[in-house]
Amino acid sequence: CLDGSDEFNYWQLEINECAENEYRCHNGQCIPMEFFHDSSLNPDCLDRTDEPR
């Protein structure tokens, strides 16, 4: 918001912690490492960052 009201308590936002066997998508989503770069036709990250373009 322009008045900054949406920034109040921003520090309380949850940030996903991925396990060692997971890939962190650019949007913070975690997917199993075996799904990373497995099929460009079927991305597993909602933002499609797990597959090459």
C-alpha atoms as a PDB file:
ATOM      1  CA  CYS A   1       0.000   0.000   0.000  1.00  0.00           C
ATOM      2  CA  LEU A   2       1.101   3.547  -0.595  1.00  0.00           C
ATOM      3  CA  ASP A   3       0.753   4.352   3.097  1.00  0.00           C
ATOM      4  CA  GLY A   4       2.908   1.355   4.102  1.00  0.00           C
ATOM      5  CA  SER A   5       0.131  -0.304   6.117  1.00  0.00           C
ATOM      6  CA  ASP A   6       0.822  -3.621   4.395  1.00  0.00           C
ATOM      7  CA  GLU A   7       4.421  -3.519   5.666  1.00  0.00           C
ATOM      8  CA  PHE A   8       3.448  -3.643   9.342  1.00  0.00           C
ATOM      9  CA  ASN A   9       4.613  -6.975  10.809  1.00  0.00           C
ATOM     10  CA  TYR A  10       6.283  -7.951   7.506  1.00  0.00           C
ATOM     11  CA  TRP A  11       9.023  -9.637   9.540  1.00  0.00           C
ATOM     12  CA  GLN A  12       6.508 -12.248  10.704  1.00  0.00           C
ATOM     13  CA  LEU A  13       6.043 -13.678   7.206  1.00  0.00           C
ATOM     14  CA  GLU A  14       6.919 -17.356   7.018  1.00  0.00           C
ATOM     15  CA  ILE A  15       9.763 -18.298   4.712  1.00  0.00           C
ATOM     16  CA  ASN A  16       9.867 -21.913   3.593  1.00  0.00           C
ATOM     17  CA  GLU A  17      12.972 -23.802   4.570  1.00  0.00           C
ATOM     18  CA  CYS A  18      13.711 -26.518   2.045  1.00  0.00           C
ATOM     19  CA  ALA A  19      15.329 -29.783   3.075  1.00  0.00           C
ATOM     20  CA  GLU A  20      18.741 -30.738   1.682  1.00  0.00           C
ATOM     21  CA  ASN A  21      17.058 -33.059  -0.826  1.00  0.00           C
ATOM     22  CA  GLU A  22      14.724 -30.321  -2.098  1.00  0.00           C
ATOM     23  CA  TYR A  23      15.061 -27.515  -4.643  1.00  0.00           C
ATOM     24  CA  ARG A  24      13.858 -24.028  -3.715  1.00  0.00           C
ATOM     25  CA  CYS A  25      11.914 -22.427  -6.546  1.00  0.00           C
ATOM     26  CA  HIS A  26      12.357 -18.672  -7.024  1.00  0.00           C
ATOM     27  CA  ASN A  27       8.927 -18.145  -5.419  1.00  0.00           C
ATOM     28  CA  GLY A  28      10.016 -20.015  -2.248  1.00  0.00           C
ATOM     29  CA  GLN A  29       8.195 -23.252  -3.019  1.00  0.00           C
ATOM     30  CA  CYS A  30      10.131 -26.468  -2.273  1.00  0.00           C
ATOM     31  CA  ILE A  31      10.062 -29.458  -4.606  1.00  0.00           C
ATOM     32  CA  PRO A  32      11.916 -32.791  -4.447  1.00  0.00           C
ATOM     33  CA  MET A  33      15.338 -32.588  -6.138  1.00  0.00           C
ATOM     34  CA  GLU A  34      14.419 -35.436  -8.497  1.00  0.00           C
ATOM     35  CA  PHE A  35      11.857 -33.101 -10.099  1.00  0.00           C
ATOM     36  CA  PHE A  36      14.470 -30.395 -10.815  1.00  0.00           C
ATOM     37  CA  HIS A  37      15.168 -30.216 -14.589  1.00  0.00           C
ATOM     38  CA  ASP A  38      13.175 -33.409 -15.212  1.00  0.00           C
ATOM     39  CA  SER A  39      10.796 -32.211 -17.955  1.00  0.00           C
ATOM     40  CA  SER A  40      10.544 -28.789 -19.551  1.00  0.00           C
ATOM     41  CA  LEU A  41       7.017 -29.703 -20.668  1.00  0.00           C
ATOM     42  CA  ASN A  42       5.898 -30.331 -17.091  1.00  0.00           C
ATOM     43  CA  PRO A  43       7.348 -27.795 -14.613  1.00  0.00           C
ATOM     44  CA  ASP A  44       6.885 -28.596 -10.931  1.00  0.00           C
ATOM     45  CA  CYS A  45       7.435 -25.102  -9.522  1.00  0.00           C
ATOM     46  CA  LEU A  46       4.395 -22.875  -9.844  1.00  0.00           C
ATOM     47  CA  ASP A  47       6.697 -20.164 -11.229  1.00  0.00           C
ATOM     48  CA  ARG A  48       8.303 -22.666 -13.668  1.00  0.00           C
ATOM     49  CA  THR A  49      11.840 -21.930 -12.412  1.00  0.00           C
ATOM     50  CA  ASP A  50      12.732 -25.616 -12.047  1.00  0.00           C
ATOM     51  CA  GLU A  51      12.953 -26.172 -15.800  1.00  0.00           C
ATOM     52  CA  PRO A  52      15.209 -24.545 -18.391  1.00  0.00           C
ATOM     53  CA  ARG A  53      13.550 -22.317 -20.941  1.00  0.00           C
END
